[in-house]
Amino acid sequence: MPDLSILSPDRLEDALLALQGGTMDILAGGTDFFPAGRAGPGRKAILDLSQIAALRGIARDGAGWRIGAMTRWSDVWRMDLPPAFAGLQAAAREVGSIQIQNSGTVAGNICNASPAADGMPP
C-alpha cells in the first residue's frame, strides 16, 4: 500500500503553494470525505484546510459580508449576526446532526456537490 501524505498548513499561502505541486484531495470538515472512501486506496496526498484560521468565520468588510470557506454550520447559527442572516442561521440549525454541524463546513458542503447535501439550495 502506498504512503498517504497529509499536509495541514496553517496559512492559506502555504495551501496554495502545495496545490501547485501536484494533485491533492482537499479536506475541509471531512463529513463526506471519509464516508465516501476518498481517503482510501489510491490516494496519495490530502490537503487538510482545517488549521487555516483565515478561512473561518463571518465578518463584515468594506465590500460587504464574507463567509469563510471553513466556517462550520454550528459557527453560523452560534454567531451574533444581523437580522439579514436569520434565514441562514435557521437553515444551519437543520443541517444534519450536531456532530455534522460541528465539523461540516459551508464550502465543503457546496464543493462536494452531493445531491443529499443539507446546505444546498433546492
PDB file of N, CA and C in Angstrom:
ATOM      1  N   MET A   1       0.846  -1.175   0.000  1.00  0.00           N
ATOM      2  CA  MET A   1       0.000   0.000   0.000  1.00  0.00           C
ATOM      3  C   MET A   1       0.893   1.240   0.000  1.00  0.00           C
ATOM      4  N   PRO A   2       0.631   2.192  -0.924  1.00  0.00           N
ATOM      5  CA  PRO A   2       1.464   3.393  -0.974  1.00  0.00           C
ATOM      6  C   PRO A   2       1.249   4.279   0.243  1.00  0.00           C
ATOM      7  N   ASP A   3       2.278   5.067   0.545  1.00  0.00           N
ATOM      8  CA  ASP A   3       2.175   6.012   1.657  1.00  0.00           C
ATOM      9  C   ASP A   3       1.160   7.094   1.335  1.00  0.00           C
ATOM     10  N   LEU A   4       0.448   7.525   2.361  1.00  0.00           N
ATOM     11  CA  LEU A   4      -0.505   8.617   2.235  1.00  0.00           C
ATOM     12  C   LEU A   4       0.094   9.837   2.909  1.00  0.00           C
ATOM     13  N   SER A   5       0.209  10.917   2.176  1.00  0.00           N
ATOM     14  CA  SER A   5       0.761  12.157   2.702  1.00  0.00           C
ATOM     15  C   SER A   5      -0.386  13.099   3.051  1.00  0.00           C
ATOM     16  N   ILE A   6      -0.365  13.636   4.275  1.00  0.00           N
ATOM     17  CA  ILE A   6      -1.375  14.606   4.696  1.00  0.00           C
ATOM     18  C   ILE A   6      -0.657  15.895   5.064  1.00  0.00           C
ATOM     19  N   LEU A   7      -1.003  16.952   4.363  1.00  0.00           N
ATOM     20  CA  LEU A   7      -0.429  18.267   4.625  1.00  0.00           C
ATOM     21  C   LEU A   7      -1.501  19.115   5.289  1.00  0.00           C
ATOM     22  N   SER A   8      -1.160  19.736   6.411  1.00  0.00           N
ATOM     23  CA  SER A   8      -2.120  20.538   7.173  1.00  0.00           C
ATOM     24  C   SER A   8      -1.519  21.914   7.487  1.00  0.00           C
ATOM     25  N   PRO A   9      -1.461  22.802   6.483  1.00  0.00           N
ATOM     26  CA  PRO A   9      -0.861  24.122   6.702  1.00  0.00           C
ATOM     27  C   PRO A   9      -1.755  25.010   7.563  1.00  0.00           C
ATOM     28  N   ASP A  10      -1.151  26.040   8.151  1.00  0.00           N
ATOM     29  CA  ASP A  10      -1.955  26.989   8.926  1.00  0.00           C
ATOM     30  C   ASP A  10      -2.046  28.348   8.232  1.00  0.00           C
ATOM     31  N   ARG A  11      -1.507  28.423   7.016  1.00  0.00           N
ATOM     32  CA  ARG A  11      -1.602  29.663   6.236  1.00  0.00           C
ATOM     33  C   ARG A  11      -2.142  29.345   4.846  1.00  0.00           C
ATOM     34  N   LEU A  12      -3.041  30.180   4.355  1.00  0.00           N
ATOM     35  CA  LEU A  12      -3.625  29.991   3.035  1.00  0.00           C
ATOM     36  C   LEU A  12      -2.550  29.970   1.958  1.00  0.00           C
ATOM     37  N   GLU A  13      -1.560  30.819   2.085  1.00  0.00           N
ATOM     38  CA  GLU A  13      -0.486  30.881   1.097  1.00  0.00           C
ATOM     39  C   GLU A  13       0.219  29.534   0.966  1.00  0.00           C
ATOM     40  N   ASP A  14       0.451  28.858   2.086  1.00  0.00           N
ATOM     41  CA  ASP A  14       1.108  27.553   2.056  1.00  0.00           C
ATOM     42  C   ASP A  14       0.222  26.503   1.392  1.00  0.00           C
ATOM     43  N   ALA A  15      -1.076  26.586   1.619  1.00  0.00           N
ATOM     44  CA  ALA A  15      -2.004  25.652   0.976  1.00  0.00           C
ATOM     45  C   ALA A  15      -1.998  25.848  -0.537  1.00  0.00           C
ATOM     46  N   LEU A  16      -2.003  27.085  -0.973  1.00  0.00           N
ATOM     47  CA  LEU A  16      -1.982  27.369  -2.411  1.00  0.00           C
ATOM     48  C   LEU A  16      -0.684  26.898  -3.050  1.00  0.00           C
ATOM     49  N   LEU A  17       0.426  27.055  -2.349  1.00  0.00           N
ATOM     50  CA  LEU A  17       1.707  26.547  -2.856  1.00  0.00           C
ATOM     51  C   LEU A  17       1.679  25.024  -2.977  1.00  0.00           C
ATOM     52  N   ALA A  18       1.098  24.364  -2.000  1.00  0.00           N
ATOM     53  CA  ALA A  18       1.014  22.902  -2.030  1.00  0.00           C
ATOM     54  C   ALA A  18       0.197  22.426  -3.224  1.00  0.00           C
ATOM     55  N   LEU A  19      -0.859  23.138  -3.544  1.00  0.00           N
ATOM     56  CA  LEU A  19      -1.695  22.754  -4.684  1.00  0.00           C
ATOM     57  C   LEU A  19      -0.957  22.893  -6.007  1.00  0.00           C
ATOM     58  N   GLN A  20       0.007  23.778  -6.073  1.00  0.00           N
ATOM     59  CA  GLN A  20       0.801  23.935  -7.292  1.00  0.00           C
ATOM     60  C   GLN A  20       1.732  22.749  -7.507  1.00  0.00           C
ATOM     61  N   GLY A  21       1.996  22.010  -6.438  1.00  0.00           N
ATOM     62  CA  GLY A  21       2.942  20.911  -6.507  1.00  0.00           C
ATOM     63  C   GLY A  21       2.385  19.615  -7.065  1.00  0.00           C
ATOM     64  N   GLY A  22       1.112  19.552  -7.347  1.00  0.00           N
ATOM     65  CA  GLY A  22       0.554  18.325  -7.894  1.00  0.00           C
ATOM     66  C   GLY A  22      -0.875  18.094  -7.444  1.00  0.00           C
ATOM     67  N   THR A  23      -1.368  16.920  -7.756  1.00  0.00           N
ATOM     68  CA  THR A  23      -2.748  16.575  -7.450  1.00  0.00           C
ATOM     69  C   THR A  23      -2.900  16.204  -5.980  1.00  0.00           C
ATOM     70  N   MET A  24      -3.822  16.880  -5.320  1.00  0.00           N
ATOM     71  CA  MET A  24      -4.122  16.596  -3.917  1.00  0.00           C
ATOM     72  C   MET A  24      -5.634  16.605  -3.745  1.00  0.00           C
ATOM     73  N   ASP A  25      -6.118  15.779  -2.847  1.00  0.00           N
ATOM     74  CA  ASP A  25      -7.519  15.847  -2.455  1.00  0.00           C
ATOM     75  C   ASP A  25      -7.624  16.873  -1.344  1.00  0.00           C
ATOM     76  N   ILE A  26      -8.622  17.738  -1.427  1.00  0.00           N
ATOM     77  CA  ILE A  26      -8.790  18.790  -0.431  1.00  0.00           C
ATOM     78  C   ILE A  26      -9.790  18.338   0.618  1.00  0.00           C
ATOM     79  N   LEU A  27      -9.383  18.462   1.877  1.00  0.00           N
ATOM     80  CA  LEU A  27     -10.204  18.063   3.014  1.00  0.00           C
ATOM     81  C   LEU A  27     -10.619  19.305   3.786  1.00  0.00           C
ATOM     82  N   ALA A  28     -11.924  19.478   3.954  1.00  0.00           N
ATOM     83  CA  ALA A  28     -12.439  20.589   4.770  1.00  0.00           C
ATOM     84  C   ALA A  28     -12.887  19.991   6.096  1.00  0.00           C
ATOM     85  N   GLY A  29     -14.173  19.842   6.333  1.00  0.00           N
ATOM     86  CA  GLY A  29     -14.654  19.272   7.594  1.00  0.00           C
ATOM     87  C   GLY A  29     -14.550  17.758   7.648  1.00  0.00           C
ATOM     88  N   GLY A  30     -14.578  17.116   6.483  1.00  0.00           N
ATOM     89  CA  GLY A  30     -14.412  15.668   6.406  1.00  0.00           C
ATOM     90  C   GLY A  30     -15.685  14.853   6.544  1.00  0.00           C
ATOM     91  N   THR A  31     -16.837  15.502   6.683  1.00  0.00           N
ATOM     92  CA  THR A  31     -18.065  14.744   6.923  1.00  0.00           C
ATOM     93  C   THR A  31     -18.486  13.906   5.725  1.00  0.00           C
ATOM     94  N   ASP A  32     -18.116  14.297   4.519  1.00  0.00           N
ATOM     95  CA  ASP A  32     -18.394  13.493   3.324  1.00  0.00           C
ATOM     96  C   ASP A  32     -17.139  12.792   2.818  1.00  0.00           C
ATOM     97  N   PHE A  33     -15.994  13.340   3.115  1.00  0.00           N
ATOM     98  CA  PHE A  33     -14.718  12.838   2.600  1.00  0.00           C
ATOM     99  C   PHE A  33     -14.442  11.400   3.042  1.00  0.00           C
ATOM    100  N   PHE A  34     -14.507  11.152   4.342  1.00  0.00           N
ATOM    101  CA  PHE A  34     -14.172   9.824   4.849  1.00  0.00           C
ATOM    102  C   PHE A  34     -15.252   8.784   4.565  1.00  0.00           C
ATOM    103  N   PRO A  35     -16.539   9.092   4.767  1.00  0.00           N
ATOM    104  CA  PRO A  35     -17.556   8.086   4.446  1.00  0.00           C
ATOM    105  C   PRO A  35     -17.562   7.693   2.970  1.00  0.00           C
ATOM    106  N   ALA A  36     -17.183   8.605   2.088  1.00  0.00           N
ATOM    107  CA  ALA A  36     -17.173   8.312   0.657  1.00  0.00           C
ATOM    108  C   ALA A  36     -15.944   7.501   0.251  1.00  0.00           C
ATOM    109  N   GLY A  37     -15.051   7.227   1.187  1.00  0.00           N
ATOM    110  CA  GLY A  37     -13.862   6.436   0.889  1.00  0.00           C
ATOM    111  C   GLY A  37     -12.787   7.205   0.156  1.00  0.00           C
ATOM    112  N   ARG A  38     -12.869   8.517   0.182  1.00  0.00           N
ATOM    113  CA  ARG A  38     -11.878   9.314  -0.542  1.00  0.00           C
ATOM    114  C   ARG A  38     -10.497   9.223   0.075  1.00  0.00           C
ATOM    115  N   ALA A  39     -10.413   8.781   1.310  1.00  0.00           N
ATOM    116  CA  ALA A  39      -9.102   8.644   1.947  1.00  0.00           C
ATOM    117  C   ALA A  39      -8.570   7.223   1.785  1.00  0.00           C
ATOM    118  N   GLY A  40      -9.243   6.426   0.996  1.00  0.00           N
ATOM    119  CA  GLY A  40      -8.900   5.019   0.852  1.00  0.00           C
ATOM    120  C   GLY A  40      -7.785   4.758  -0.144  1.00  0.00           C
ATOM    121  N   PRO A  41      -7.698   3.505  -0.606  1.00  0.00           N
ATOM    122  CA  PRO A  41      -6.635   3.088  -1.524  1.00  0.00           C
ATOM    123  C   PRO A  41      -6.572   3.975  -2.767  1.00  0.00           C
ATOM    124  N   GLY A  42      -5.379   4.221  -3.224  1.00  0.00           N
ATOM    125  CA  GLY A  42      -5.175   5.026  -4.414  1.00  0.00           C
ATOM    126  C   GLY A  42      -4.953   6.505  -4.131  1.00  0.00           C
ATOM    127  N   ARG A  43      -5.200   6.925  -2.927  1.00  0.00           N
ATOM    128  CA  ARG A  43      -4.984   8.328  -2.561  1.00  0.00           C
ATOM    129  C   ARG A  43      -3.548   8.493  -2.086  1.00  0.00           C
ATOM    130  N   LYS A  44      -2.904   9.515  -2.575  1.00  0.00           N
ATOM    131  CA  LYS A  44      -1.512   9.726  -2.198  1.00  0.00           C
ATOM    132  C   LYS A  44      -1.298  10.983  -1.382  1.00  0.00           C
ATOM    133  N   ALA A  45      -2.141  12.000  -1.589  1.00  0.00           N
ATOM    134  CA  ALA A  45      -1.916  13.262  -0.893  1.00  0.00           C
ATOM    135  C   ALA A  45      -3.239  13.940  -0.551  1.00  0.00           C
ATOM    136  N   ILE A  46      -3.335  14.388   0.695  1.00  0.00           N
ATOM    137  CA  ILE A  46      -4.514  15.106   1.173  1.00  0.00           C
ATOM    138  C   ILE A  46      -4.055  16.455   1.711  1.00  0.00           C
ATOM    139  N   LEU A  47      -4.759  17.497   1.303  1.00  0.00           N
ATOM    140  CA  LEU A  47      -4.508  18.841   1.815  1.00  0.00           C
ATOM    141  C   LEU A  47      -5.630  19.167   2.795  1.00  0.00           C
ATOM    142  N   ASP A  48      -5.300  19.173   4.078  1.00  0.00           N
ATOM    143  CA  ASP A  48      -6.259  19.434   5.156  1.00  0.00           C
ATOM    144  C   ASP A  48      -6.275  20.933   5.449  1.00  0.00           C
ATOM    145  N   LEU A  49      -7.417  21.574   5.213  1.00  0.00           N
ATOM    146  CA  LEU A  49      -7.531  23.026   5.386  1.00  0.00           C
ATOM    147  C   LEU A  49      -7.975  23.443   6.784  1.00  0.00           C
ATOM    148  N   SER A  50      -8.182  22.501   7.678  1.00  0.00           N
ATOM    149  CA  SER A  50      -8.809  22.792   8.973  1.00  0.00           C
ATOM    150  C   SER A  50      -8.012  23.722   9.887  1.00  0.00           C
ATOM    151  N   GLN A  51      -6.716  23.877   9.654  1.00  0.00           N
ATOM    152  CA  GLN A  51      -5.899  24.721  10.528  1.00  0.00           C
ATOM    153  C   GLN A  51      -5.739  26.156  10.027  1.00  0.00           C
ATOM    154  N   ILE A  52      -6.373  26.483   8.913  1.00  0.00           N
ATOM    155  CA  ILE A  52      -6.221  27.819   8.336  1.00  0.00           C
ATOM    156  C   ILE A  52      -7.310  28.730   8.897  1.00  0.00           C
ATOM    157  N   ALA A  53      -6.960  29.462   9.941  1.00  0.00           N
ATOM    158  CA  ALA A  53      -7.926  30.329  10.635  1.00  0.00           C
ATOM    159  C   ALA A  53      -8.508  31.399   9.721  1.00  0.00           C
ATOM    160  N   ALA A  54      -7.750  31.852   8.738  1.00  0.00           N
ATOM    161  CA  ALA A  54      -8.221  32.901   7.831  1.00  0.00           C
ATOM    162  C   ALA A  54      -9.416  32.452   6.993  1.00  0.00           C
ATOM    163  N   LEU A  55      -9.664  31.154   6.932  1.00  0.00           N
ATOM    164  CA  LEU A  55     -10.788  30.637   6.146  1.00  0.00           C
ATOM    165  C   LEU A  55     -12.048  30.422   6.982  1.00  0.00           C
ATOM    166  N   ARG A  56     -12.007  30.796   8.261  1.00  0.00           N
ATOM    167  CA  ARG A  56     -13.159  30.573   9.144  1.00  0.00           C
ATOM    168  C   ARG A  56     -13.807  31.894   9.534  1.00  0.00           C
ATOM    169  N   GLY A  57     -15.098  31.812   9.821  1.00  0.00           N
ATOM    170  CA  GLY A  57     -15.816  32.943  10.384  1.00  0.00           C
ATOM    171  C   GLY A  57     -16.659  33.726   9.398  1.00  0.00           C
ATOM    172  N   ILE A  58     -17.450  34.622   9.946  1.00  0.00           N
ATOM    173  CA  ILE A  58     -18.286  35.526   9.166  1.00  0.00           C
ATOM    174  C   ILE A  58     -17.937  36.936   9.630  1.00  0.00           C
ATOM    175  N   ALA A  59     -17.584  37.784   8.688  1.00  0.00           N
ATOM    176  CA  ALA A  59     -17.152  39.136   9.051  1.00  0.00           C
ATOM    177  C   ALA A  59     -17.592  40.137   7.988  1.00  0.00           C
ATOM    178  N   ARG A  60     -17.742  41.351   8.432  1.00  0.00           N
ATOM    179  CA  ARG A  60     -18.083  42.435   7.513  1.00  0.00           C
ATOM    180  C   ARG A  60     -16.819  43.212   7.188  1.00  0.00           C
ATOM    181  N   ASP A  61     -16.669  43.545   5.904  1.00  0.00           N
ATOM    182  CA  ASP A  61     -15.568  44.409   5.497  1.00  0.00           C
ATOM    183  C   ASP A  61     -16.133  45.509   4.600  1.00  0.00           C
ATOM    184  N   GLY A  62     -15.294  46.279   3.973  1.00  0.00           N
ATOM    185  CA  GLY A  62     -15.741  47.395   3.152  1.00  0.00           C
ATOM    186  C   GLY A  62     -16.627  47.003   1.979  1.00  0.00           C
ATOM    187  N   ALA A  63     -16.485  45.777   1.498  1.00  0.00           N
ATOM    188  CA  ALA A  63     -17.250  45.320   0.336  1.00  0.00           C
ATOM    189  C   ALA A  63     -18.547  44.614   0.718  1.00  0.00           C
ATOM    190  N   GLY A  64     -18.731  44.303   1.980  1.00  0.00           N
ATOM    191  CA  GLY A  64     -19.933  43.578   2.412  1.00  0.00           C
ATOM    192  C   GLY A  64     -19.577  42.512   3.429  1.00  0.00           C
ATOM    193  N   TRP A  65     -20.310  41.428   3.406  1.00  0.00           N
ATOM    194  CA  TRP A  65     -20.098  40.332   4.352  1.00  0.00           C
ATOM    195  C   TRP A  65     -19.317  39.211   3.696  1.00  0.00           C
ATOM    196  N   ARG A  66     -18.463  38.566   4.465  1.00  0.00           N
ATOM    197  CA  ARG A  66     -17.655  37.439   3.989  1.00  0.00           C
ATOM    198  C   ARG A  66     -17.921  36.232   4.874  1.00  0.00           C
ATOM    199  N   ILE A  67     -18.276  35.113   4.253  1.00  0.00           N
ATOM    200  CA  ILE A  67     -18.426  33.842   4.970  1.00  0.00           C
ATOM    201  C   ILE A  67     -17.240  32.986   4.561  1.00  0.00           C
ATOM    202  N   GLY A  68     -16.371  32.671   5.508  1.00  0.00           N
ATOM    203  CA  GLY A  68     -15.179  31.887   5.214  1.00  0.00           C
ATOM    204  C   GLY A  68     -15.515  30.459   4.814  1.00  0.00           C
ATOM    205  N   ALA A  69     -14.738  29.921   3.908  1.00  0.00           N
ATOM    206  CA  ALA A  69     -14.977  28.579   3.387  1.00  0.00           C
ATOM    207  C   ALA A  69     -14.964  27.504   4.468  1.00  0.00           C
ATOM    208  N   MET A  70     -14.158  27.682   5.505  1.00  0.00           N
ATOM    209  CA  MET A  70     -14.058  26.680   6.569  1.00  0.00           C
ATOM    210  C   MET A  70     -14.995  26.967   7.741  1.00  0.00           C
ATOM    211  N   THR A  71     -15.942  27.875   7.556  1.00  0.00           N
ATOM    212  CA  THR A  71     -16.906  28.174   8.607  1.00  0.00           C
ATOM    213  C   THR A  71     -17.815  26.968   8.801  1.00  0.00           C
ATOM    214  N   ARG A  72     -17.895  26.495  10.020  1.00  0.00           N
ATOM    215  CA  ARG A  72     -18.732  25.329  10.330  1.00  0.00           C
ATOM    216  C   ARG A  72     -20.187  25.768  10.472  1.00  0.00           C
ATOM    217  N   TRP A  73     -21.089  24.825  10.239  1.00  0.00           N
ATOM    218  CA  TRP A  73     -22.521  25.129  10.359  1.00  0.00           C
ATOM    219  C   TRP A  73     -22.860  25.614  11.763  1.00  0.00           C
ATOM    220  N   SER A  74     -22.252  25.020  12.777  1.00  0.00           N
ATOM    221  CA  SER A  74     -22.540  25.464  14.149  1.00  0.00           C
ATOM    222  C   SER A  74     -22.009  26.874  14.397  1.00  0.00           C
ATOM    223  N   ASP A  75     -20.925  27.266  13.703  1.00  0.00           N
ATOM    224  CA  ASP A  75     -20.438  28.646  13.809  1.00  0.00           C
ATOM    225  C   ASP A  75     -21.499  29.613  13.287  1.00  0.00           C
ATOM    226  N   VAL A  76     -22.149  29.236  12.192  1.00  0.00           N
ATOM    227  CA  VAL A  76     -23.157  30.102  11.574  1.00  0.00           C
ATOM    228  C   VAL A  76     -24.301  30.371  12.539  1.00  0.00           C
ATOM    229  N   TRP A  77     -24.837  29.305  13.145  1.00  0.00           N
ATOM    230  CA  TRP A  77     -26.007  29.545  13.999  1.00  0.00           C
ATOM    231  C   TRP A  77     -25.653  30.080  15.377  1.00  0.00           C
ATOM    232  N   ARG A  78     -24.395  29.967  15.787  1.00  0.00           N
ATOM    233  CA  ARG A  78     -23.998  30.488  17.102  1.00  0.00           C
ATOM    234  C   ARG A  78     -23.561  31.956  17.071  1.00  0.00           C
ATOM    235  N   MET A  79     -23.209  32.456  15.927  1.00  0.00           N
ATOM    236  CA  MET A  79     -22.678  33.820  15.832  1.00  0.00           C
ATOM    237  C   MET A  79     -23.771  34.865  16.030  1.00  0.00           C
ATOM    238  N   ASP A  80     -23.363  35.995  16.577  1.00  0.00           N
ATOM    239  CA  ASP A  80     -24.254  37.139  16.730  1.00  0.00           C
ATOM    240  C   ASP A  80     -24.216  37.910  15.412  1.00  0.00           C
ATOM    241  N   LEU A  81     -25.241  37.704  14.591  1.00  0.00           N
ATOM    242  CA  LEU A  81     -25.278  38.300  13.258  1.00  0.00           C
ATOM    243  C   LEU A  81     -26.507  39.186  13.103  1.00  0.00           C
ATOM    244  N   PRO A  82     -26.491  40.094  12.131  1.00  0.00           N
ATOM    245  CA  PRO A  82     -27.648  40.953  11.899  1.00  0.00           C
ATOM    246  C   PRO A  82     -28.868  40.135  11.447  1.00  0.00           C
ATOM    247  N   PRO A  83     -30.057  40.712  11.549  1.00  0.00           N
ATOM    248  CA  PRO A  83     -31.289  40.009  11.171  1.00  0.00           C
ATOM    249  C   PRO A  83     -31.289  39.463   9.742  1.00  0.00           C
ATOM    250  N   ALA A  84     -30.536  40.059   8.844  1.00  0.00           N
ATOM    251  CA  ALA A  84     -30.484  39.575   7.460  1.00  0.00           C
ATOM    252  C   ALA A  84     -29.974  38.136   7.373  1.00  0.00           C
ATOM    253  N   PHE A  85     -29.283  37.667   8.404  1.00  0.00           N
ATOM    254  CA  PHE A  85     -28.733  36.314   8.414  1.00  0.00           C
ATOM    255  C   PHE A  85     -29.652  35.302   9.101  1.00  0.00           C
ATOM    256  N   ALA A  86     -30.830  35.723   9.542  1.00  0.00           N
ATOM    257  CA  ALA A  86     -31.724  34.837  10.297  1.00  0.00           C
ATOM    258  C   ALA A  86     -32.081  33.576   9.511  1.00  0.00           C
ATOM    259  N   GLY A  87     -32.339  33.699   8.228  1.00  0.00           N
ATOM    260  CA  GLY A  87     -32.673  32.538   7.407  1.00  0.00           C
ATOM    261  C   GLY A  87     -31.515  31.562   7.300  1.00  0.00           C
ATOM    262  N   LEU A  88     -30.316  32.086   7.092  1.00  0.00           N
ATOM    263  CA  LEU A  88     -29.127  31.234   7.019  1.00  0.00           C
ATOM    264  C   LEU A  88     -28.887  30.542   8.352  1.00  0.00           C
ATOM    265  N   GLN A  89     -29.066  31.270   9.448  1.00  0.00           N
ATOM    266  CA  GLN A  89     -28.861  30.672  10.767  1.00  0.00           C
ATOM    267  C   GLN A  89     -29.894  29.581  11.047  1.00  0.00           C
ATOM    268  N   ALA A  90     -31.136  29.810  10.659  1.00  0.00           N
ATOM    269  CA  ALA A  90     -32.170  28.787  10.846  1.00  0.00           C
ATOM    270  C   ALA A  90     -31.850  27.551  10.008  1.00  0.00           C
ATOM    271  N   ALA A  91     -31.395  27.755   8.781  1.00  0.00           N
ATOM    272  CA  ALA A  91     -31.034  26.630   7.920  1.00  0.00           C
ATOM    273  C   ALA A  91     -29.848  25.864   8.492  1.00  0.00           C
ATOM    274  N   ALA A  92     -28.873  26.578   9.053  1.00  0.00           N
ATOM    275  CA  ALA A  92     -27.683  25.934   9.623  1.00  0.00           C
ATOM    276  C   ALA A  92     -28.049  25.009  10.777  1.00  0.00           C
ATOM    277  N   ARG A  93     -29.081  25.359  11.520  1.00  0.00           N
ATOM    278  CA  ARG A  93     -29.528  24.508  12.634  1.00  0.00           C
ATOM    279  C   ARG A  93     -30.141  23.192  12.151  1.00  0.00           C
ATOM    280  N   GLU A  94     -30.558  23.157  10.892  1.00  0.00           N
ATOM    281  CA  GLU A  94     -31.217  21.974  10.330  1.00  0.00           C
ATOM    282  C   GLU A  94     -30.262  21.044   9.591  1.00  0.00           C
ATOM    283  N   VAL A  95     -29.018  21.444   9.440  1.00  0.00           N
ATOM    284  CA  VAL A  95     -28.045  20.617   8.722  1.00  0.00           C
ATOM    285  C   VAL A  95     -27.642  19.439   9.590  1.00  0.00           C
ATOM    286  N   GLY A  96     -27.943  18.241   9.134  1.00  0.00           N
ATOM    287  CA  GLY A  96     -27.512  17.023   9.826  1.00  0.00           C
ATOM    288  C   GLY A  96     -27.749  17.035  11.321  1.00  0.00           C
ATOM    289  N   SER A  97     -26.887  16.336  12.022  1.00  0.00           N
ATOM    290  CA  SER A  97     -26.919  16.272  13.484  1.00  0.00           C
ATOM    291  C   SER A  97     -25.950  17.310  14.039  1.00  0.00           C
ATOM    292  N   ILE A  98     -25.910  17.447  15.345  1.00  0.00           N
ATOM    293  CA  ILE A  98     -24.971  18.397  15.956  1.00  0.00           C
ATOM    294  C   ILE A  98     -23.522  18.012  15.634  1.00  0.00           C
ATOM    295  N   GLN A  99     -23.254  16.714  15.489  1.00  0.00           N
ATOM    296  CA  GLN A  99     -21.896  16.282  15.131  1.00  0.00           C
ATOM    297  C   GLN A  99     -21.515  16.804  13.747  1.00  0.00           C
ATOM    298  N   ILE A 100     -22.458  16.732  12.813  1.00  0.00           N
ATOM    299  CA  ILE A 100     -22.205  17.237  11.463  1.00  0.00           C
ATOM    300  C   ILE A 100     -22.067  18.753  11.499  1.00  0.00           C
ATOM    301  N   GLN A 101     -22.913  19.424  12.249  1.00  0.00           N
ATOM    302  CA  GLN A 101     -22.851  20.885  12.347  1.00  0.00           C
ATOM    303  C   GLN A 101     -21.520  21.350  12.935  1.00  0.00           C
ATOM    304  N   ASN A 102     -20.945  20.568  13.837  1.00  0.00           N
ATOM    305  CA  ASN A 102     -19.684  20.948  14.482  1.00  0.00           C
ATOM    306  C   ASN A 102     -18.451  20.662  13.640  1.00  0.00           C
ATOM    307  N   SER A 103     -18.575  19.860  12.595  1.00  0.00           N
ATOM    308  CA  SER A 103     -17.408  19.584  11.761  1.00  0.00           C
ATOM    309  C   SER A 103     -17.626  19.939  10.295  1.00  0.00           C
ATOM    310  N   GLY A 104     -18.844  19.828   9.803  1.00  0.00           N
ATOM    311  CA  GLY A 104     -19.123  20.150   8.407  1.00  0.00           C
ATOM    312  C   GLY A 104     -18.978  21.635   8.134  1.00  0.00           C
ATOM    313  N   THR A 105     -18.425  21.956   6.969  1.00  0.00           N
ATOM    314  CA  THR A 105     -18.197  23.354   6.609  1.00  0.00           C
ATOM    315  C   THR A 105     -19.157  23.796   5.511  1.00  0.00           C
ATOM    316  N   VAL A 106     -19.418  25.076   5.480  1.00  0.00           N
ATOM    317  CA  VAL A 106     -20.321  25.635   4.477  1.00  0.00           C
ATOM    318  C   VAL A 106     -19.787  25.351   3.074  1.00  0.00           C
ATOM    319  N   ALA A 107     -18.542  25.678   2.804  1.00  0.00           N
ATOM    320  CA  ALA A 107     -17.981  25.483   1.469  1.00  0.00           C
ATOM    321  C   ALA A 107     -17.777  24.009   1.141  1.00  0.00           C
ATOM    322  N   GLY A 108     -17.425  23.208   2.132  1.00  0.00           N
ATOM    323  CA  GLY A 108     -17.264  21.779   1.878  1.00  0.00           C
ATOM    324  C   GLY A 108     -18.561  21.156   1.411  1.00  0.00           C
ATOM    325  N   ASN A 109     -19.654  21.571   2.001  1.00  0.00           N
ATOM    326  CA  ASN A 109     -20.972  21.076   1.623  1.00  0.00           C
ATOM    327  C   ASN A 109     -21.294  21.459   0.183  1.00  0.00           C
ATOM    328  N   ILE A 110     -20.946  22.667  -0.193  1.00  0.00           N
ATOM    329  CA  ILE A 110     -21.207  23.140  -1.556  1.00  0.00           C
ATOM    330  C   ILE A 110     -20.265  22.465  -2.553  1.00  0.00           C
ATOM    331  N   CYS A 111     -18.966  22.426  -2.248  1.00  0.00           N
ATOM    332  CA  CYS A 111     -17.975  21.879  -3.178  1.00  0.00           C
ATOM    333  C   CYS A 111     -18.125  20.380  -3.396  1.00  0.00           C
ATOM    334  N   ASN A 112     -18.589  19.668  -2.389  1.00  0.00           N
ATOM    335  CA  ASN A 112     -18.782  18.233  -2.543  1.00  0.00           C
ATOM    336  C   ASN A 112     -19.889  17.933  -3.549  1.00  0.00           C
ATOM    337  N   ALA A 113     -20.861  18.821  -3.648  1.00  0.00           N
ATOM    338  CA  ALA A 113     -21.951  18.733  -4.626  1.00  0.00           C
ATOM    339  C   ALA A 113     -22.763  17.448  -4.518  1.00  0.00           C
ATOM    340  N   SER A 114     -22.936  16.950  -3.321  1.00  0.00           N
ATOM    341  CA  SER A 114     -23.762  15.764  -3.126  1.00  0.00           C
ATOM    342  C   SER A 114     -25.233  16.125  -3.300  1.00  0.00           C
ATOM    343  N   PRO A 115     -26.002  15.290  -3.992  1.00  0.00           N
ATOM    344  CA  PRO A 115     -27.436  15.570  -4.105  1.00  0.00           C
ATOM    345  C   PRO A 115     -28.144  15.477  -2.754  1.00  0.00           C
ATOM    346  N   ALA A 116     -27.502  14.872  -1.766  1.00  0.00           N
ATOM    347  CA  ALA A 116     -28.093  14.741  -0.430  1.00  0.00           C
ATOM    348  C   ALA A 116     -27.619  15.829   0.527  1.00  0.00           C
ATOM    349  N   ALA A 117     -26.853  16.789   0.037  1.00  0.00           N
ATOM    350  CA  ALA A 117     -26.292  17.833   0.900  1.00  0.00           C
ATOM    351  C   ALA A 117     -27.393  18.677   1.528  1.00  0.00           C
ATOM    352  N   ASP A 118     -27.333  18.815   2.846  1.00  0.00           N
ATOM    353  CA  ASP A 118     -28.344  19.598   3.561  1.00  0.00           C
ATOM    354  C   ASP A 118     -28.221  21.094   3.312  1.00  0.00           C
ATOM    355  N   GLY A 119     -27.034  21.570   3.044  1.00  0.00           N
ATOM    356  CA  GLY A 119     -26.821  23.006   2.921  1.00  0.00           C
ATOM    357  C   GLY A 119     -26.999  23.556   1.522  1.00  0.00           C
ATOM    358  N   MET A 120     -27.375  22.726   0.582  1.00  0.00           N
ATOM    359  CA  MET A 120     -27.534  23.179  -0.798  1.00  0.00           C
ATOM    360  C   MET A 120     -28.939  23.716  -1.027  1.00  0.00           C
ATOM    361  N   PRO A 121     -29.052  24.833  -1.745  1.00  0.00           N
ATOM    362  CA  PRO A 121     -30.390  25.326  -2.070  1.00  0.00           C
ATOM    363  C   PRO A 121     -31.068  24.380  -3.057  1.00  0.00           C
ATOM    364  N   PRO A 122     -32.399  24.327  -3.029  1.00  0.00           N
ATOM    365  CA  PRO A 122     -33.108  23.416  -3.955  1.00  0.00           C
ATOM    366  C   PRO A 122     -32.945  23.835  -5.399  1.00  0.00           C
TER     367      PRO A 122
END
